[in-house]
């Protein structure tokens, strides 16, 4: 979740949503995202809305945070009802950050319990928390599992110490297998998140990280290319030539190596940057985003979406808490997407997943582009004949360019 908020229209203090948010809502999946903005150390590459204890000062106590989020959940139920949005149970809940597991497990359990009391959880709901390998214990993971969490996503990033040092990651890579074992013992599914293309990371380093990841036998693996965000410590280091710049060709080579090794180990890609052992191991929460579901985002800087209406909360935890203490919406701004914008976003997101996009959903310019993209090896020809736009391996490397052509840009 980027720390810079979008530019939009003012959000009403009562949290009421336009009528568009309620239209067809009964037929859409409903999810909850909870942002935990606290980190022990701010990583040099990170542009998310996160804070260390030194950065926060007064008015943003970690000890009181779960109660503040629960206040937003109470506010959300009232705002949705007053806006005419039908009641729905939650199909997924995702705690992201920051490092959610810097909060006591009992606090995370309290937030989940409140969400269940207010909306209810669907049978078999997916409940995930992100975690750093050094921020959990066997006891904390068992507490989460007992509370109804089903999945933990560990930020592994790399298995190579010098790569972790460039990223300002503080965990010992040898802690990862131990944390995975603890999570499994608690009955939780496990995802491991990797980053490739860090300055100074060789292909041998990347292979070592992939081998270490596969050796842990997680249910799910995410591998993201490092993006240098303006304003981050790492961006400044590259600008001063203290570390090397990232290289697109290096990223492409490492993506291909990841897909090769993960496929050989029994993992199948289902989204450009995500692989799972089987369909049930896919991250259902992220799939809900890509498929245009509805979600309420709780926490400072969190984003929400309901039927093409998007809004986002104030950034700072102190401002967030202050608003909720006076029963005022924490939303800083919002936008209502028109039909064309929603269609563009649908094509952009649906194209990234293995299910693909129905060719019939493309405009004339997109349908005209399909044959050329097949000829260039970027789209699957057999799938296209069956009426589906699906990326090839080479197409995944150039997914953004493929989408632009499908949109006629």
Protein backbone atom coordinates (compact mmCIF):
# COMPACT_ATOMS: atom_id res chain seq x y z
CA UNK A 1 0.00 0.00 0.00
CA UNK A 2 1.92 3.09 -1.22
CA UNK A 3 2.35 5.87 1.31
CA UNK A 4 1.31 8.64 -1.11
CA UNK A 5 -2.46 8.96 -1.21
CA UNK A 6 -4.24 9.55 -4.54
CA UNK A 7 -5.84 12.84 -5.48
CA UNK A 8 -9.62 12.53 -5.35
CA UNK A 9 -12.81 14.13 -4.16
CA UNK A 10 -13.39 14.94 -0.49
CA UNK A 11 -14.93 12.05 1.46
CA UNK A 12 -18.03 12.84 3.57
CA UNK A 13 -17.55 12.80 7.31
CA UNK A 14 -20.47 10.42 7.79
CA UNK A 15 -18.91 7.80 5.51
CA UNK A 16 -21.97 7.49 3.27
CA UNK A 17 -21.30 6.02 -0.18
CA UNK A 18 -22.87 6.88 -3.55
CA UNK A 19 -25.72 4.66 -4.78
CA UNK A 20 -23.32 2.98 -7.24
CA UNK A 21 -21.62 1.18 -4.34
CA UNK A 22 -24.78 -0.76 -3.54
CA UNK A 23 -25.74 -1.69 -7.10
CA UNK A 24 -25.27 -5.43 -7.60
CA UNK A 25 -23.41 -5.75 -4.29
CA UNK A 26 -25.34 -8.88 -3.25
CA UNK A 27 -23.67 -10.77 -6.10
CA UNK A 28 -20.12 -9.61 -5.31
CA UNK A 29 -17.61 -11.10 -2.91
CA UNK A 30 -16.96 -9.06 0.26
CA UNK A 31 -13.54 -8.97 1.93
CA UNK A 32 -11.74 -7.12 4.71
CA UNK A 33 -8.21 -5.72 4.66
CA UNK A 34 -6.65 -4.56 7.95
CA UNK A 35 -3.54 -2.41 7.75
CA UNK A 36 -1.08 -2.65 10.64
CA UNK A 37 1.36 0.25 10.07
CA UNK A 38 4.05 -0.68 12.60
CA UNK A 39 7.57 -1.88 11.75
CA UNK A 40 10.59 -2.59 13.93
CA UNK A 41 12.88 -1.19 11.19
CA UNK A 42 11.90 0.71 8.07
CA UNK A 43 13.32 -1.17 5.08
CA UNK A 44 15.24 0.95 2.59
CA UNK A 45 13.15 -0.13 -0.43
CA UNK A 46 9.75 0.24 1.23
CA UNK A 47 7.28 2.95 0.18
CA UNK A 48 4.34 1.61 2.21
CA UNK A 49 2.52 3.60 4.87
CA UNK A 50 4.53 2.25 7.79
CA UNK A 51 6.16 3.71 10.89
CA UNK A 52 8.73 2.72 13.49
CA UNK A 53 8.15 3.56 17.15
CA UNK A 54 10.52 6.56 16.91
CA UNK A 55 8.54 8.00 13.97
CA UNK A 56 5.16 7.82 15.65
CA UNK A 57 5.45 9.92 18.78
CA UNK A 58 2.32 10.38 20.87
CA UNK A 59 -1.29 9.71 19.89
CA UNK A 60 -0.64 6.48 17.98
CA UNK A 61 -0.14 3.82 20.61
CA UNK A 62 0.40 0.25 19.44
CA UNK A 63 -1.22 -0.89 22.68
CA UNK A 64 -4.46 0.88 21.73
CA UNK A 65 -4.38 0.10 18.03
CA UNK A 66 -6.63 -2.95 17.97
CA UNK A 67 -9.34 -0.99 19.77
CA UNK A 68 -9.03 1.83 17.23
CA UNK A 69 -9.39 -0.57 14.30
CA UNK A 70 -12.40 -2.17 15.96
CA UNK A 71 -13.92 1.30 16.16
CA UNK A 72 -13.52 1.62 12.40
CA UNK A 73 -15.17 -1.77 11.87
CA UNK A 74 -18.13 -0.57 13.96
CA UNK A 75 -18.24 2.61 11.86
CA UNK A 76 -18.05 0.57 8.64
CA UNK A 77 -21.10 -1.55 9.45
CA UNK A 78 -23.20 1.56 10.11
CA UNK A 79 -21.94 3.41 7.03
CA UNK A 80 -22.60 0.47 4.72
CA UNK A 81 -26.09 -0.07 6.10
CA UNK A 82 -26.94 3.63 5.81
CA UNK A 83 -25.66 3.56 2.21
CA UNK A 84 -28.01 0.72 1.31
CA UNK A 85 -25.24 -1.85 0.82
CA UNK A 86 -26.69 -5.32 1.61
CA UNK A 87 -25.21 -7.35 4.46
CA UNK A 88 -22.70 -9.98 3.37
CA UNK A 89 -20.39 -12.35 5.18
CA UNK A 90 -16.65 -11.99 4.73
CA UNK A 91 -15.04 -14.44 2.33
CA UNK A 92 -11.47 -13.35 3.14
CA UNK A 93 -9.67 -11.25 5.75
CA UNK A 94 -6.10 -10.08 5.24
CA UNK A 95 -3.85 -8.38 7.81
CA UNK A 96 -1.06 -6.51 6.02
CA UNK A 97 1.52 -3.93 6.86
CA UNK A 98 3.98 -3.06 8.12
CA UNK A 99 4.43 -6.08 10.30
CA UNK A 100 1.07 -7.17 11.72
CA UNK A 101 2.74 -9.64 14.06
CA UNK A 102 4.48 -6.82 15.93
CA UNK A 103 1.11 -6.55 17.67
CA UNK A 104 0.36 -9.24 20.24
CA UNK A 105 -1.42 -12.20 18.66
CA UNK A 106 -4.30 -11.55 21.05
CA UNK A 107 -4.77 -8.08 19.53
CA UNK A 108 -4.96 -9.49 16.00
CA UNK A 109 -7.40 -12.10 17.28
CA UNK A 110 -9.50 -9.32 18.82
CA UNK A 111 -9.84 -7.56 15.45
CA UNK A 112 -10.79 -10.80 13.70
CA UNK A 113 -13.30 -11.60 16.42
CA UNK A 114 -14.92 -8.18 16.04
CA UNK A 115 -15.15 -8.59 12.26
CA UNK A 116 -16.80 -11.97 12.75
CA UNK A 117 -19.28 -10.50 15.23
CA UNK A 118 -20.21 -7.68 12.86
CA UNK A 119 -20.33 -9.45 9.50
CA UNK A 120 -19.70 -13.12 10.07
CA UNK A 121 -17.20 -15.26 8.19
CA UNK A 122 -18.23 -17.50 5.35
CA UNK A 123 -17.68 -21.21 5.88
CA UNK A 124 -14.09 -21.90 4.89
CA UNK A 125 -13.14 -18.21 4.87
CA UNK A 126 -9.46 -17.47 4.23
CA UNK A 127 -7.84 -15.41 7.02
CA UNK A 128 -4.23 -14.35 6.42
CA UNK A 129 -1.65 -12.33 8.26
CA UNK A 130 1.67 -11.14 6.94
CA UNK A 131 4.61 -11.69 9.27
CA UNK A 132 8.36 -11.36 9.47
CA UNK A 133 10.11 -14.62 10.35
CA UNK A 134 11.57 -13.03 13.49
CA UNK A 135 8.24 -11.63 14.71
CA UNK A 136 6.52 -14.93 15.56
CA UNK A 137 6.83 -17.73 18.10
CA UNK A 138 5.19 -21.15 18.27
CA UNK A 139 2.83 -19.72 20.89
CA UNK A 140 1.82 -16.63 18.90
CA UNK A 141 1.14 -18.68 15.78
CA UNK A 142 -0.97 -21.15 17.75
CA UNK A 143 -2.94 -18.24 19.23
CA UNK A 144 -3.65 -16.98 15.71
CA UNK A 145 -4.69 -20.41 14.48
CA UNK A 146 -6.97 -20.91 17.47
CA UNK A 147 -8.57 -17.52 16.75
CA UNK A 148 -9.48 -18.53 13.20
CA UNK A 149 -6.47 -17.48 11.11
CA UNK A 150 -5.85 -19.99 8.34
CA UNK A 151 -2.74 -18.69 6.61
CA UNK A 152 0.50 -16.81 7.29
CA UNK A 153 2.58 -15.03 4.66
CA UNK A 154 6.22 -14.65 5.68
CA UNK A 155 8.35 -11.86 4.20
CA UNK A 156 11.42 -13.95 3.40
CA UNK A 157 12.65 -11.74 0.50
CA UNK A 158 15.99 -13.57 0.17
CA UNK A 159 18.02 -16.37 1.73
CA UNK A 160 21.31 -14.54 1.15
CA UNK A 161 22.62 -12.31 3.98
CA UNK A 162 24.26 -9.64 1.79
CA UNK A 163 21.05 -9.24 -0.24
CA UNK A 164 18.97 -8.90 2.94
CA UNK A 165 21.44 -6.27 4.16
CA UNK A 166 20.87 -4.11 1.05
CA UNK A 167 17.12 -4.38 1.64
CA UNK A 168 17.57 -3.52 5.36
CA UNK A 169 15.88 -6.79 6.34
CA UNK A 170 16.91 -7.77 9.85
CA UNK A 171 15.87 -11.42 10.12
CA UNK A 172 18.30 -14.32 10.06
CA UNK A 173 17.55 -16.36 6.91
CA UNK A 174 18.04 -19.53 8.96
CA UNK A 175 14.97 -18.49 10.98
CA UNK A 176 12.66 -18.98 7.98
CA UNK A 177 12.48 -22.80 7.99
CA UNK A 178 11.92 -22.70 11.73
CA UNK A 179 9.05 -20.20 11.41
CA UNK A 180 7.50 -22.27 8.62
CA UNK A 181 7.67 -25.39 10.80
CA UNK A 182 6.01 -23.55 13.68
CA UNK A 183 3.22 -22.32 11.42
CA UNK A 184 2.62 -25.80 10.05
CA UNK A 185 2.54 -27.25 13.57
CA UNK A 186 -0.18 -24.70 14.40
CA UNK A 187 -2.21 -25.86 11.39
CA UNK A 188 -1.64 -22.76 9.25
CA UNK A 189 -1.03 -22.68 5.52
CA UNK A 190 2.22 -20.93 4.60
CA UNK A 191 3.22 -18.48 1.88
CA UNK A 192 6.76 -17.19 1.36
CA UNK A 193 7.36 -13.82 -0.31
CA UNK A 194 10.54 -13.18 -2.31
CA UNK A 195 12.06 -10.12 -3.99
CA UNK A 196 14.44 -10.45 -6.93
CA UNK A 197 16.71 -7.95 -8.65
CA UNK A 198 18.20 -6.35 -5.54
CA UNK A 199 21.41 -4.43 -6.37
CA UNK A 200 24.33 -6.81 -5.93
CA UNK A 201 22.21 -9.97 -6.15
CA UNK A 202 23.81 -12.46 -8.56
CA UNK A 203 21.96 -15.20 -10.40
CA UNK A 204 23.62 -17.66 -8.02
CA UNK A 205 22.20 -15.69 -5.07
CA UNK A 206 18.72 -15.82 -6.60
CA UNK A 207 18.96 -19.55 -7.26
CA UNK A 208 20.06 -20.06 -3.64
CA UNK A 209 16.99 -18.15 -2.44
CA UNK A 210 14.70 -20.21 -4.67
CA UNK A 211 16.28 -23.43 -3.48
CA UNK A 212 15.88 -22.42 0.15
CA UNK A 213 12.26 -21.46 -0.47
CA UNK A 214 11.40 -24.72 -2.21
CA UNK A 215 13.13 -26.66 0.59
CA UNK A 216 10.61 -25.15 3.04
CA UNK A 217 7.80 -26.63 0.92
CA UNK A 218 5.37 -23.72 1.38
CA UNK A 219 1.86 -23.91 -0.05
CA UNK A 220 2.29 -20.64 -1.93
CA UNK A 221 5.17 -18.50 -3.20
CA UNK A 222 5.19 -14.87 -4.35
CA UNK A 223 8.16 -13.44 -6.25
CA UNK A 224 8.22 -9.72 -6.98
CA UNK A 225 10.78 -7.72 -8.88
CA UNK A 226 12.33 -4.94 -6.86
CA UNK A 227 10.83 -1.57 -7.76
CA UNK A 228 12.73 1.55 -6.77
CA UNK A 229 10.25 4.07 -5.36
CA UNK A 230 11.05 7.79 -5.24
CA UNK A 231 11.70 9.04 -1.74
CA UNK A 232 13.01 5.76 -0.35
CA UNK A 233 16.43 5.24 1.18
CA UNK A 234 17.36 2.80 -1.59
CA UNK A 235 16.43 5.32 -4.30
CA UNK A 236 18.77 7.83 -2.69
CA UNK A 237 21.57 5.27 -2.47
CA UNK A 238 21.24 4.47 -6.17
CA UNK A 239 21.16 8.16 -7.05
CA UNK A 240 24.41 8.66 -5.11
CA UNK A 241 25.90 5.55 -6.82
CA UNK A 242 26.36 3.85 -3.45
CA UNK A 243 24.62 0.77 -4.85
CA UNK A 244 24.10 -0.30 -8.44
CA UNK A 245 20.94 0.54 -10.37
CA UNK A 246 18.47 -2.24 -11.10
CA UNK A 247 18.51 -3.87 -14.53
CA UNK A 248 15.39 -4.90 -16.49
CA UNK A 249 17.20 -7.71 -18.32
CA UNK A 250 18.43 -9.08 -14.99
CA UNK A 251 14.84 -9.00 -13.68
CA UNK A 252 13.60 -10.89 -16.74
CA UNK A 253 16.27 -13.57 -16.42
CA UNK A 254 15.48 -14.05 -12.75
CA UNK A 255 11.74 -14.27 -13.40
CA UNK A 256 12.34 -17.00 -15.99
CA UNK A 257 14.59 -18.87 -13.57
CA UNK A 258 11.92 -18.60 -10.85
CA UNK A 259 9.21 -19.99 -13.11
CA UNK A 260 11.48 -22.81 -14.27
CA UNK A 261 12.48 -23.89 -10.77
CA UNK A 262 9.05 -23.46 -9.21
CA UNK A 263 7.35 -25.40 -12.00
CA UNK A 264 9.87 -28.22 -11.58
CA UNK A 265 9.05 -28.26 -7.85
CA UNK A 266 5.32 -28.62 -8.49
CA UNK A 267 4.16 -25.00 -8.29
CA UNK A 268 1.87 -23.50 -10.94
CA UNK A 269 1.64 -19.79 -11.71
CA UNK A 270 -1.83 -18.33 -11.30
CA UNK A 271 -0.93 -14.64 -11.38
CA UNK A 272 2.13 -13.02 -12.91
CA UNK A 273 4.00 -12.89 -9.58
CA UNK A 274 2.33 -15.77 -7.71
CA UNK A 275 2.61 -19.57 -7.71
CA UNK A 276 0.72 -22.21 -5.70
CA UNK A 277 0.86 -25.98 -5.25
CA UNK A 278 -2.85 -26.35 -6.03
CA UNK A 279 -5.94 -24.21 -6.63
CA UNK A 280 -6.96 -24.22 -2.93
CA UNK A 281 -3.50 -22.87 -2.04
CA UNK A 282 -3.95 -19.71 -4.11
CA UNK A 283 -4.35 -16.46 -2.18
CA UNK A 284 -8.10 -15.94 -2.41
CA UNK A 285 -7.86 -12.44 -0.97
CA UNK A 286 -5.58 -11.18 -3.72
CA UNK A 287 -7.68 -12.97 -6.33
CA UNK A 288 -10.65 -10.99 -5.02
CA UNK A 289 -8.76 -7.77 -5.76
CA UNK A 290 -7.88 -8.89 -9.28
CA UNK A 291 -11.47 -9.94 -9.96
CA UNK A 292 -13.01 -6.66 -8.83
CA UNK A 293 -14.62 -7.79 -5.57
CA UNK A 294 -15.69 -5.43 -2.77
CA UNK A 295 -13.52 -4.85 0.27
CA UNK A 296 -13.35 -2.55 3.24
CA UNK A 297 -9.82 -1.42 4.10
CA UNK A 298 -9.36 -0.59 7.78
CA UNK A 299 -6.37 1.26 9.20
CA UNK A 300 -4.38 4.43 8.38
CA UNK A 301 -3.85 4.84 4.64
CA UNK A 302 -5.93 1.73 3.86
CA UNK A 303 -7.87 1.69 0.57
CA UNK A 304 -11.41 0.37 0.10
CA UNK A 305 -13.52 -0.51 -2.94
CA UNK A 306 -17.23 -1.01 -3.36
CA UNK A 307 -18.87 -1.31 -6.78
CA UNK A 308 -16.49 1.07 -8.52
CA UNK A 309 -16.36 3.51 -5.60
CA UNK A 310 -12.87 3.78 -4.08
CA UNK A 311 -11.81 5.62 -0.96
CA UNK A 312 -8.73 5.82 1.24
CA UNK A 313 -8.07 6.68 4.85
CA UNK A 314 -5.90 9.42 6.31
CA UNK A 315 -2.27 8.33 6.48
CA UNK A 316 -1.01 8.99 9.96
CA UNK A 317 -2.06 6.67 12.80
CA UNK A 318 -2.61 9.61 15.15
CA UNK A 319 -4.94 11.41 12.72
CA UNK A 320 -6.69 8.13 12.05
CA UNK A 321 -7.28 7.48 15.75
CA UNK A 322 -8.41 11.06 16.37
CA UNK A 323 -11.11 10.88 13.71
CA UNK A 324 -12.52 7.63 14.98
CA UNK A 325 -12.52 8.91 18.57
CA UNK A 326 -15.04 11.54 17.43
CA UNK A 327 -17.10 9.10 15.29
CA UNK A 328 -15.94 10.77 12.08
CA UNK A 329 -15.03 8.79 8.97
CA UNK A 330 -11.28 8.20 8.68
CA UNK A 331 -11.53 8.54 4.89
CA UNK A 332 -9.38 11.29 3.38
CA UNK A 333 -10.75 11.13 -0.17
CA UNK A 334 -12.57 9.02 -2.72
CA UNK A 335 -13.38 8.58 -6.39
CA UNK A 336 -16.29 7.08 -8.29
CA UNK A 337 -15.14 5.25 -11.41
CA UNK A 338 -17.11 5.55 -14.64
CA UNK A 339 -17.95 2.55 -16.80
CA UNK A 340 -14.99 2.97 -19.13
CA UNK A 341 -12.46 3.22 -16.29
CA UNK A 342 -13.90 0.15 -14.62
CA UNK A 343 -13.64 -1.78 -17.88
CA UNK A 344 -10.02 -0.71 -18.37
CA UNK A 345 -9.13 -1.84 -14.85
CA UNK A 346 -10.96 -5.13 -15.36
CA UNK A 347 -8.90 -5.86 -18.49
CA UNK A 348 -5.65 -4.83 -16.76
CA UNK A 349 -6.22 -7.07 -13.75
CA UNK A 350 -7.96 -10.06 -15.33
CA UNK A 351 -5.24 -10.41 -17.95
CA UNK A 352 -2.64 -10.96 -15.21
CA UNK A 353 -4.21 -14.19 -13.90
CA UNK A 354 -4.11 -17.65 -15.41
CA UNK A 355 -7.89 -17.70 -15.90
CA UNK A 356 -7.40 -14.97 -18.48
CA UNK A 357 -9.94 -12.65 -19.97
CA UNK A 358 -12.82 -13.51 -22.29
CA UNK A 359 -12.01 -12.16 -25.74
CA UNK A 360 -15.59 -10.92 -25.98
CA UNK A 361 -14.86 -8.43 -23.20
CA UNK A 362 -12.32 -6.60 -25.35
CA UNK A 363 -13.17 -3.63 -27.52
CA UNK A 364 -12.65 -3.75 -31.30
CA UNK A 365 -9.07 -2.49 -31.00
CA UNK A 366 -8.24 -5.19 -28.45
CA UNK A 367 -9.73 -8.00 -30.53
CA UNK A 368 -7.78 -6.73 -33.53
CA UNK A 369 -4.55 -6.88 -31.49
CA UNK A 370 -4.95 -10.51 -30.40
CA UNK A 371 -3.63 -12.13 -33.62
CA UNK A 372 -0.45 -10.04 -33.57
CA UNK A 373 0.16 -10.81 -29.90
CA UNK A 374 -0.22 -14.53 -30.61
CA UNK A 375 2.23 -14.26 -33.51
CA UNK A 376 4.75 -12.58 -31.21
CA UNK A 377 4.41 -15.38 -28.67
CA UNK A 378 2.82 -13.18 -26.00
CA UNK A 379 -0.65 -14.77 -25.94
CA UNK A 380 -1.65 -18.44 -25.91
CA UNK A 381 -3.04 -19.26 -29.37
CA UNK A 382 -5.05 -22.32 -28.30
CA UNK A 383 -6.68 -20.37 -25.48
CA UNK A 384 -7.52 -17.53 -27.86
CA UNK A 385 -9.24 -19.94 -30.25
CA UNK A 386 -11.35 -21.06 -27.27
CA UNK A 387 -12.25 -17.42 -26.57
CA UNK A 388 -9.81 -16.55 -23.77
CA UNK A 389 -6.91 -14.10 -23.69
CA UNK A 390 -4.15 -15.79 -21.67
CA UNK A 391 -0.53 -14.75 -21.29
CA UNK A 392 2.33 -17.04 -22.30
CA UNK A 393 5.52 -17.13 -20.24
CA UNK A 394 7.01 -14.48 -22.53
CA UNK A 395 3.76 -12.53 -22.25
CA UNK A 396 4.06 -12.48 -18.47
CA UNK A 397 7.42 -10.75 -18.84
CA UNK A 398 5.73 -8.04 -20.93
CA UNK A 399 2.31 -8.06 -19.27
CA UNK A 400 1.98 -4.27 -19.08
CA UNK A 401 2.81 -3.88 -22.78
CA UNK A 402 0.31 -6.61 -23.70
CA UNK A 403 -2.43 -4.87 -21.72
CA UNK A 404 -1.71 -1.54 -23.40
CA UNK A 405 -2.17 -3.11 -26.81
CA UNK A 406 -5.36 -4.88 -25.74
CA UNK A 407 -6.66 -1.48 -24.67
CA UNK A 408 -5.64 0.10 -27.98
CA UNK A 409 -3.03 2.41 -26.42
